[in-house]
PDB file of N, CA and C in Angstrom:
ATOM      1  N   UNK A   1     -61.009  58.943  32.772  1.00  0.00           N
ATOM      2  CA  UNK A   1     -59.804  59.749  32.937  1.00  0.00           C
ATOM      3  C   UNK A   1     -58.709  58.898  33.564  1.00  0.00           C
ATOM      4  N   UNK A   2     -57.508  59.132  33.140  1.00  0.00           N
ATOM      5  CA  UNK A   2     -56.375  58.453  33.751  1.00  0.00           C
ATOM      6  C   UNK A   2     -55.544  59.475  34.517  1.00  0.00           C
ATOM      7  N   UNK A   3     -54.828  58.977  35.486  1.00  0.00           N
ATOM      8  CA  UNK A   3     -53.956  59.849  36.279  1.00  0.00           C
ATOM      9  C   UNK A   3     -52.502  59.459  36.023  1.00  0.00           C
ATOM     10  N   UNK A   4     -51.690  60.455  35.868  1.00  0.00           N
ATOM     11  CA  UNK A   4     -50.264  60.247  35.626  1.00  0.00           C
ATOM     12  C   UNK A   4     -49.491  60.935  36.738  1.00  0.00           C
ATOM     13  N   UNK A   5     -48.504  60.227  37.270  1.00  0.00           N
ATOM     14  CA  UNK A   5     -47.649  60.801  38.310  1.00  0.00           C
ATOM     15  C   UNK A   5     -46.509  61.547  37.627  1.00  0.00           C
ATOM     16  N   UNK A   6     -46.402  62.815  37.944  1.00  0.00           N
ATOM     17  CA  UNK A   6     -45.301  63.640  37.458  1.00  0.00           C
ATOM     18  C   UNK A   6     -44.372  63.930  38.624  1.00  0.00           C
ATOM     19  N   UNK A   7     -43.168  64.391  38.307  1.00  0.00           N
ATOM     20  CA  UNK A   7     -42.254  64.727  39.390  1.00  0.00           C
ATOM     21  C   UNK A   7     -41.348  65.887  39.003  1.00  0.00           C
ATOM     22  N   UNK A   8     -40.805  66.499  40.025  1.00  0.00           N
ATOM     23  CA  UNK A   8     -39.863  67.612  39.834  1.00  0.00           C
ATOM     24  C   UNK A   8     -38.492  67.241  40.373  1.00  0.00           C
ATOM     25  N   UNK A   9     -38.178  65.953  40.372  1.00  0.00           N
ATOM     26  CA  UNK A   9     -36.905  65.468  40.928  1.00  0.00           C
ATOM     27  C   UNK A   9     -35.727  66.132  40.242  1.00  0.00           C
ATOM     28  N   UNK A  10     -35.715  66.146  38.920  1.00  0.00           N
ATOM     29  CA  UNK A  10     -34.567  66.708  38.206  1.00  0.00           C
ATOM     30  C   UNK A  10     -34.359  68.181  38.556  1.00  0.00           C
ATOM     31  N   UNK A  11     -35.417  68.968  38.545  1.00  0.00           N
ATOM     32  CA  UNK A  11     -35.288  70.397  38.829  1.00  0.00           C
ATOM     33  C   UNK A  11     -34.821  70.642  40.263  1.00  0.00           C
ATOM     34  N   UNK A  12     -35.416  69.927  41.208  1.00  0.00           N
ATOM     35  CA  UNK A  12     -35.021  70.111  42.611  1.00  0.00           C
ATOM     36  C   UNK A  12     -33.585  69.648  42.824  1.00  0.00           C
ATOM     37  N   UNK A  13     -33.224  68.530  42.190  1.00  0.00           N
ATOM     38  CA  UNK A  13     -31.848  68.022  42.303  1.00  0.00           C
ATOM     39  C   UNK A  13     -30.859  69.058  41.787  1.00  0.00           C
ATOM     40  N   UNK A  14     -31.163  69.651  40.638  1.00  0.00           N
ATOM     41  CA  UNK A  14     -30.279  70.668  40.068  1.00  0.00           C
ATOM     42  C   UNK A  14     -30.239  71.918  40.942  1.00  0.00           C
ATOM     43  N   UNK A  15     -31.398  72.311  41.491  1.00  0.00           N
ATOM     44  CA  UNK A  15     -31.444  73.465  42.392  1.00  0.00           C
ATOM     45  C   UNK A  15     -30.559  73.254  43.614  1.00  0.00           C
ATOM     46  N   UNK A  16     -30.420  71.985  44.021  1.00  0.00           N
ATOM     47  CA  UNK A  16     -29.586  71.634  45.170  1.00  0.00           C
ATOM     48  C   UNK A  16     -28.153  71.278  44.778  1.00  0.00           C
ATOM     49  N   UNK A  17     -27.825  71.482  43.509  1.00  0.00           N
ATOM     50  CA  UNK A  17     -26.473  71.217  42.984  1.00  0.00           C
ATOM     51  C   UNK A  17     -26.017  69.793  43.294  1.00  0.00           C
ATOM     52  N   UNK A  18     -26.912  68.841  43.046  1.00  0.00           N
ATOM     53  CA  UNK A  18     -26.608  67.436  43.279  1.00  0.00           C
ATOM     54  C   UNK A  18     -26.551  66.696  41.947  1.00  0.00           C
ATOM     55  N   UNK A  19     -25.669  65.722  41.872  1.00  0.00           N
ATOM     56  CA  UNK A  19     -25.624  64.860  40.699  1.00  0.00           C
ATOM     57  C   UNK A  19     -26.649  63.745  40.861  1.00  0.00           C
ATOM     58  N   UNK A  20     -26.919  63.063  39.772  1.00  0.00           N
ATOM     59  CA  UNK A  20     -27.822  61.913  39.854  1.00  0.00           C
ATOM     60  C   UNK A  20     -27.251  60.861  40.800  1.00  0.00           C
ATOM     61  N   UNK A  21     -25.952  60.667  40.762  1.00  0.00           N
ATOM     62  CA  UNK A  21     -25.326  59.672  41.642  1.00  0.00           C
ATOM     63  C   UNK A  21     -25.441  60.082  43.106  1.00  0.00           C
ATOM     64  N   UNK A  22     -25.274  61.355  43.392  1.00  0.00           N
ATOM     65  CA  UNK A  22     -25.383  61.815  44.782  1.00  0.00           C
ATOM     66  C   UNK A  22     -26.779  61.584  45.344  1.00  0.00           C
ATOM     67  N   UNK A  23     -27.810  61.895  44.572  1.00  0.00           N
ATOM     68  CA  UNK A  23     -29.163  61.677  45.088  1.00  0.00           C
ATOM     69  C   UNK A  23     -29.461  60.186  45.157  1.00  0.00           C
ATOM     70  N   UNK A  24     -28.945  59.418  44.202  1.00  0.00           N
ATOM     71  CA  UNK A  24     -29.129  57.960  44.241  1.00  0.00           C
ATOM     72  C   UNK A  24     -28.529  57.385  45.523  1.00  0.00           C
ATOM     73  N   UNK A  25     -27.328  57.802  45.855  1.00  0.00           N
ATOM     74  CA  UNK A  25     -26.673  57.332  47.081  1.00  0.00           C
ATOM     75  C   UNK A  25     -27.463  57.757  48.316  1.00  0.00           C
ATOM     76  N   UNK A  26     -28.006  58.963  48.297  1.00  0.00           N
ATOM     77  CA  UNK A  26     -28.743  59.492  49.438  1.00  0.00           C
ATOM     78  C   UNK A  26     -30.032  58.720  49.700  1.00  0.00           C
ATOM     79  N   UNK A  27     -30.757  58.383  48.633  1.00  0.00           N
ATOM     80  CA  UNK A  27     -32.041  57.695  48.820  1.00  0.00           C
ATOM     81  C   UNK A  27     -31.929  56.179  48.700  1.00  0.00           C
ATOM     82  N   UNK A  28     -30.745  55.678  48.344  1.00  0.00           N
ATOM     83  CA  UNK A  28     -30.508  54.239  48.347  1.00  0.00           C
ATOM     84  C   UNK A  28     -30.954  53.481  47.113  1.00  0.00           C
ATOM     85  N   UNK A  29     -30.808  54.112  45.949  1.00  0.00           N
ATOM     86  CA  UNK A  29     -31.125  53.438  44.685  1.00  0.00           C
ATOM     87  C   UNK A  29     -29.961  53.618  43.724  1.00  0.00           C
ATOM     88  N   UNK A  30     -30.079  53.050  42.534  1.00  0.00           N
ATOM     89  CA  UNK A  30     -29.035  53.220  41.529  1.00  0.00           C
ATOM     90  C   UNK A  30     -29.242  54.511  40.755  1.00  0.00           C
ATOM     91  N   UNK A  31     -28.189  54.940  40.091  1.00  0.00           N
ATOM     92  CA  UNK A  31     -28.281  56.124  39.239  1.00  0.00           C
ATOM     93  C   UNK A  31     -29.282  55.878  38.114  1.00  0.00           C
ATOM     94  N   UNK A  32     -29.355  54.645  37.631  1.00  0.00           N
ATOM     95  CA  UNK A  32     -30.298  54.303  36.572  1.00  0.00           C
ATOM     96  C   UNK A  32     -31.745  54.501  37.038  1.00  0.00           C
ATOM     97  N   UNK A  33     -32.014  54.231  38.309  1.00  0.00           N
ATOM     98  CA  UNK A  33     -33.357  54.457  38.856  1.00  0.00           C
ATOM     99  C   UNK A  33     -33.675  55.947  38.864  1.00  0.00           C
ATOM    100  N   UNK A  34     -32.709  56.769  39.238  1.00  0.00           N
ATOM    101  CA  UNK A  34     -32.913  58.227  39.228  1.00  0.00           C
ATOM    102  C   UNK A  34     -33.212  58.700  37.806  1.00  0.00           C
ATOM    103  N   UNK A  35     -32.465  58.189  36.840  1.00  0.00           N
ATOM    104  CA  UNK A  35     -32.702  58.553  35.438  1.00  0.00           C
ATOM    105  C   UNK A  35     -34.127  58.191  35.036  1.00  0.00           C
ATOM    106  N   UNK A  36     -34.570  56.983  35.384  1.00  0.00           N
ATOM    107  CA  UNK A  36     -35.917  56.533  35.027  1.00  0.00           C
ATOM    108  C   UNK A  36     -36.990  57.392  35.697  1.00  0.00           C
ATOM    109  N   UNK A  37     -36.776  57.765  36.951  1.00  0.00           N
ATOM    110  CA  UNK A  37     -37.734  58.620  37.657  1.00  0.00           C
ATOM    111  C   UNK A  37     -37.797  59.994  36.995  1.00  0.00           C
ATOM    112  N   UNK A  38     -36.629  60.578  36.722  1.00  0.00           N
ATOM    113  CA  UNK A  38     -36.602  61.908  36.119  1.00  0.00           C
ATOM    114  C   UNK A  38     -37.268  61.925  34.738  1.00  0.00           C
ATOM    115  N   UNK A  39     -37.145  60.841  33.994  1.00  0.00           N
ATOM    116  CA  UNK A  39     -37.761  60.757  32.670  1.00  0.00           C
ATOM    117  C   UNK A  39     -39.245  60.424  32.748  1.00  0.00           C
ATOM    118  N   UNK A  40     -39.724  60.059  33.930  1.00  0.00           N
ATOM    119  CA  UNK A  40     -41.125  59.690  34.079  1.00  0.00           C
ATOM    120  C   UNK A  40     -41.411  58.252  33.696  1.00  0.00           C
ATOM    121  N   UNK A  41     -40.374  57.440  33.573  1.00  0.00           N
ATOM    122  CA  UNK A  41     -40.537  56.038  33.192  1.00  0.00           C
ATOM    123  C   UNK A  41     -40.728  55.110  34.392  1.00  0.00           C
ATOM    124  N   UNK A  42     -40.585  55.644  35.599  1.00  0.00           N
ATOM    125  CA  UNK A  42     -40.694  54.827  36.807  1.00  0.00           C
ATOM    126  C   UNK A  42     -41.347  55.660  37.904  1.00  0.00           C
ATOM    127  N   UNK A  43     -42.376  55.102  38.504  1.00  0.00           N
ATOM    128  CA  UNK A  43     -43.033  55.761  39.631  1.00  0.00           C
ATOM    129  C   UNK A  43     -42.528  55.106  40.906  1.00  0.00           C
ATOM    130  N   UNK A  44     -41.908  55.868  41.788  1.00  0.00           N
ATOM    131  CA  UNK A  44     -41.320  55.265  42.991  1.00  0.00           C
ATOM    132  C   UNK A  44     -42.378  54.805  43.988  1.00  0.00           C
ATOM    133  N   UNK A  45     -41.951  53.918  44.856  1.00  0.00           N
ATOM    134  CA  UNK A  45     -42.804  53.475  45.958  1.00  0.00           C
ATOM    135  C   UNK A  45     -43.018  54.639  46.923  1.00  0.00           C
ATOM    136  N   UNK A  46     -43.962  54.471  47.806  1.00  0.00           N
ATOM    137  CA  UNK A  46     -44.210  55.497  48.829  1.00  0.00           C
ATOM    138  C   UNK A  46     -42.956  55.687  49.679  1.00  0.00           C
ATOM    139  N   UNK A  47     -42.314  54.591  50.055  1.00  0.00           N
ATOM    140  CA  UNK A  47     -41.096  54.680  50.874  1.00  0.00           C
ATOM    141  C   UNK A  47     -40.023  55.489  50.163  1.00  0.00           C
ATOM    142  N   UNK A  48     -39.807  55.211  48.892  1.00  0.00           N
ATOM    143  CA  UNK A  48     -38.789  55.949  48.144  1.00  0.00           C
ATOM    144  C   UNK A  48     -39.181  57.415  47.986  1.00  0.00           C
ATOM    145  N   UNK A  49     -40.447  57.687  47.721  1.00  0.00           N
ATOM    146  CA  UNK A  49     -40.908  59.073  47.605  1.00  0.00           C
ATOM    147  C   UNK A  49     -40.676  59.828  48.911  1.00  0.00           C
ATOM    148  N   UNK A  50     -40.913  59.165  50.034  1.00  0.00           N
ATOM    149  CA  UNK A  50     -40.666  59.788  51.342  1.00  0.00           C
ATOM    150  C   UNK A  50     -39.180  60.068  51.544  1.00  0.00           C
ATOM    151  N   UNK A  51     -38.328  59.183  51.056  1.00  0.00           N
ATOM    152  CA  UNK A  51     -36.880  59.415  51.154  1.00  0.00           C
ATOM    153  C   UNK A  51     -36.461  60.639  50.339  1.00  0.00           C
ATOM    154  N   UNK A  52     -37.085  60.807  49.160  1.00  0.00           N
ATOM    155  CA  UNK A  52     -36.807  62.007  48.362  1.00  0.00           C
ATOM    156  C   UNK A  52     -37.226  63.251  49.142  1.00  0.00           C
ATOM    157  N   UNK A  53     -38.413  63.227  49.711  1.00  0.00           N
ATOM    158  CA  UNK A  53     -38.917  64.381  50.462  1.00  0.00           C
ATOM    159  C   UNK A  53     -37.994  64.718  51.625  1.00  0.00           C
ATOM    160  N   UNK A  54     -37.549  63.696  52.330  1.00  0.00           N
ATOM    161  CA  UNK A  54     -36.642  63.915  53.464  1.00  0.00           C
ATOM    162  C   UNK A  54     -35.301  64.463  52.979  1.00  0.00           C
ATOM    163  N   UNK A  55     -34.791  63.904  51.913  1.00  0.00           N
ATOM    164  CA  UNK A  55     -33.504  64.335  51.376  1.00  0.00           C
ATOM    165  C   UNK A  55     -33.538  65.780  50.892  1.00  0.00           C
ATOM    166  N   UNK A  56     -34.613  66.138  50.166  1.00  0.00           N
ATOM    167  CA  UNK A  56     -34.745  67.485  49.624  1.00  0.00           C
ATOM    168  C   UNK A  56     -35.323  68.480  50.634  1.00  0.00           C
ATOM    169  N   UNK A  57     -35.766  67.955  51.792  1.00  0.00           N
ATOM    170  CA  UNK A  57     -36.386  68.797  52.824  1.00  0.00           C
ATOM    171  C   UNK A  57     -37.555  69.601  52.247  1.00  0.00           C
ATOM    172  N   UNK A  58     -38.425  68.863  51.530  1.00  0.00           N
ATOM    173  CA  UNK A  58     -39.612  69.463  50.908  1.00  0.00           C
ATOM    174  C   UNK A  58     -40.797  68.534  51.092  1.00  0.00           C
ATOM    175  N   UNK A  59     -41.994  69.091  51.075  1.00  0.00           N
ATOM    176  CA  UNK A  59     -43.176  68.222  51.136  1.00  0.00           C
ATOM    177  C   UNK A  59     -43.218  67.297  49.917  1.00  0.00           C
ATOM    178  N   UNK A  60     -43.673  66.098  50.143  1.00  0.00           N
ATOM    179  CA  UNK A  60     -43.715  65.110  49.066  1.00  0.00           C
ATOM    180  C   UNK A  60     -44.519  65.618  47.876  1.00  0.00           C
ATOM    181  N   UNK A  61     -45.561  66.440  48.141  1.00  0.00           N
ATOM    182  CA  UNK A  61     -46.415  66.953  47.067  1.00  0.00           C
ATOM    183  C   UNK A  61     -45.694  67.930  46.151  1.00  0.00           C
ATOM    184  N   UNK A  62     -44.579  68.489  46.604  1.00  0.00           N
ATOM    185  CA  UNK A  62     -43.786  69.367  45.744  1.00  0.00           C
ATOM    186  C   UNK A  62     -42.893  68.561  44.804  1.00  0.00           C
ATOM    187  N   UNK A  63     -42.681  67.310  45.127  1.00  0.00           N
ATOM    188  CA  UNK A  63     -41.784  66.463  44.343  1.00  0.00           C
ATOM    189  C   UNK A  63     -42.562  65.555  43.403  1.00  0.00           C
ATOM    190  N   UNK A  64     -43.639  64.948  43.917  1.00  0.00           N
ATOM    191  CA  UNK A  64     -44.467  64.033  43.123  1.00  0.00           C
ATOM    192  C   UNK A  64     -45.903  64.519  43.151  1.00  0.00           C
ATOM    193  N   UNK A  65     -46.548  64.540  41.996  1.00  0.00           N
ATOM    194  CA  UNK A  65     -47.916  65.051  41.937  1.00  0.00           C
ATOM    195  C   UNK A  65     -48.670  64.378  40.792  1.00  0.00           C
ATOM    196  N   UNK A  66     -49.991  64.360  40.924  1.00  0.00           N
ATOM    197  CA  UNK A  66     -50.872  63.739  39.924  1.00  0.00           C
ATOM    198  C   UNK A  66     -51.476  64.782  39.017  1.00  0.00           C
ATOM    199  N   UNK A  67     -51.684  64.392  37.781  1.00  0.00           N
ATOM    200  CA  UNK A  67     -52.466  65.196  36.856  1.00  0.00           C
ATOM    201  C   UNK A  67     -53.387  64.254  36.111  1.00  0.00           C
ATOM    202  N   UNK A  68     -54.637  64.654  35.976  1.00  0.00           N
ATOM    203  CA  UNK A  68     -55.610  63.832  35.271  1.00  0.00           C
ATOM    204  C   UNK A  68     -55.587  64.146  33.786  1.00  0.00           C
ATOM    205  N   UNK A  69     -55.745  63.103  32.992  1.00  0.00           N
ATOM    206  CA  UNK A  69     -55.776  63.252  31.537  1.00  0.00           C
ATOM    207  C   UNK A  69     -56.938  62.458  30.974  1.00  0.00           C
ATOM    208  N   UNK A  70     -57.575  63.030  29.979  1.00  0.00           N
ATOM    209  CA  UNK A  70     -58.615  62.299  29.257  1.00  0.00           C
ATOM    210  C   UNK A  70     -57.959  61.242  28.383  1.00  0.00           C
ATOM    211  N   UNK A  71     -58.487  60.051  28.413  1.00  0.00           N
ATOM    212  CA  UNK A  71     -57.991  59.007  27.517  1.00  0.00           C
ATOM    213  C   UNK A  71     -58.513  59.299  26.118  1.00  0.00           C
ATOM    214  N   UNK A  72     -57.659  59.168  25.147  1.00  0.00           N
ATOM    215  CA  UNK A  72     -58.082  59.436  23.758  1.00  0.00           C
ATOM    216  C   UNK A  72     -57.876  58.206  22.917  1.00  0.00           C
TER     217      UNK A  72
END
């Protein structure tokens, strides 16, 4: 089985009425990094994930989570 990291960054960002640039500035990355995270093309470091949690004032597990998948 493989594990894939999923995230709810886009939904939480929209719920907080923030642009990609605003969250990028808040957590200290580029807008392109936010785009890659939201698309699932980039898994952030623990430090960056913690910055998201602090910024959104939510537990990290609500933002980033694992799901197991059978390899086919």
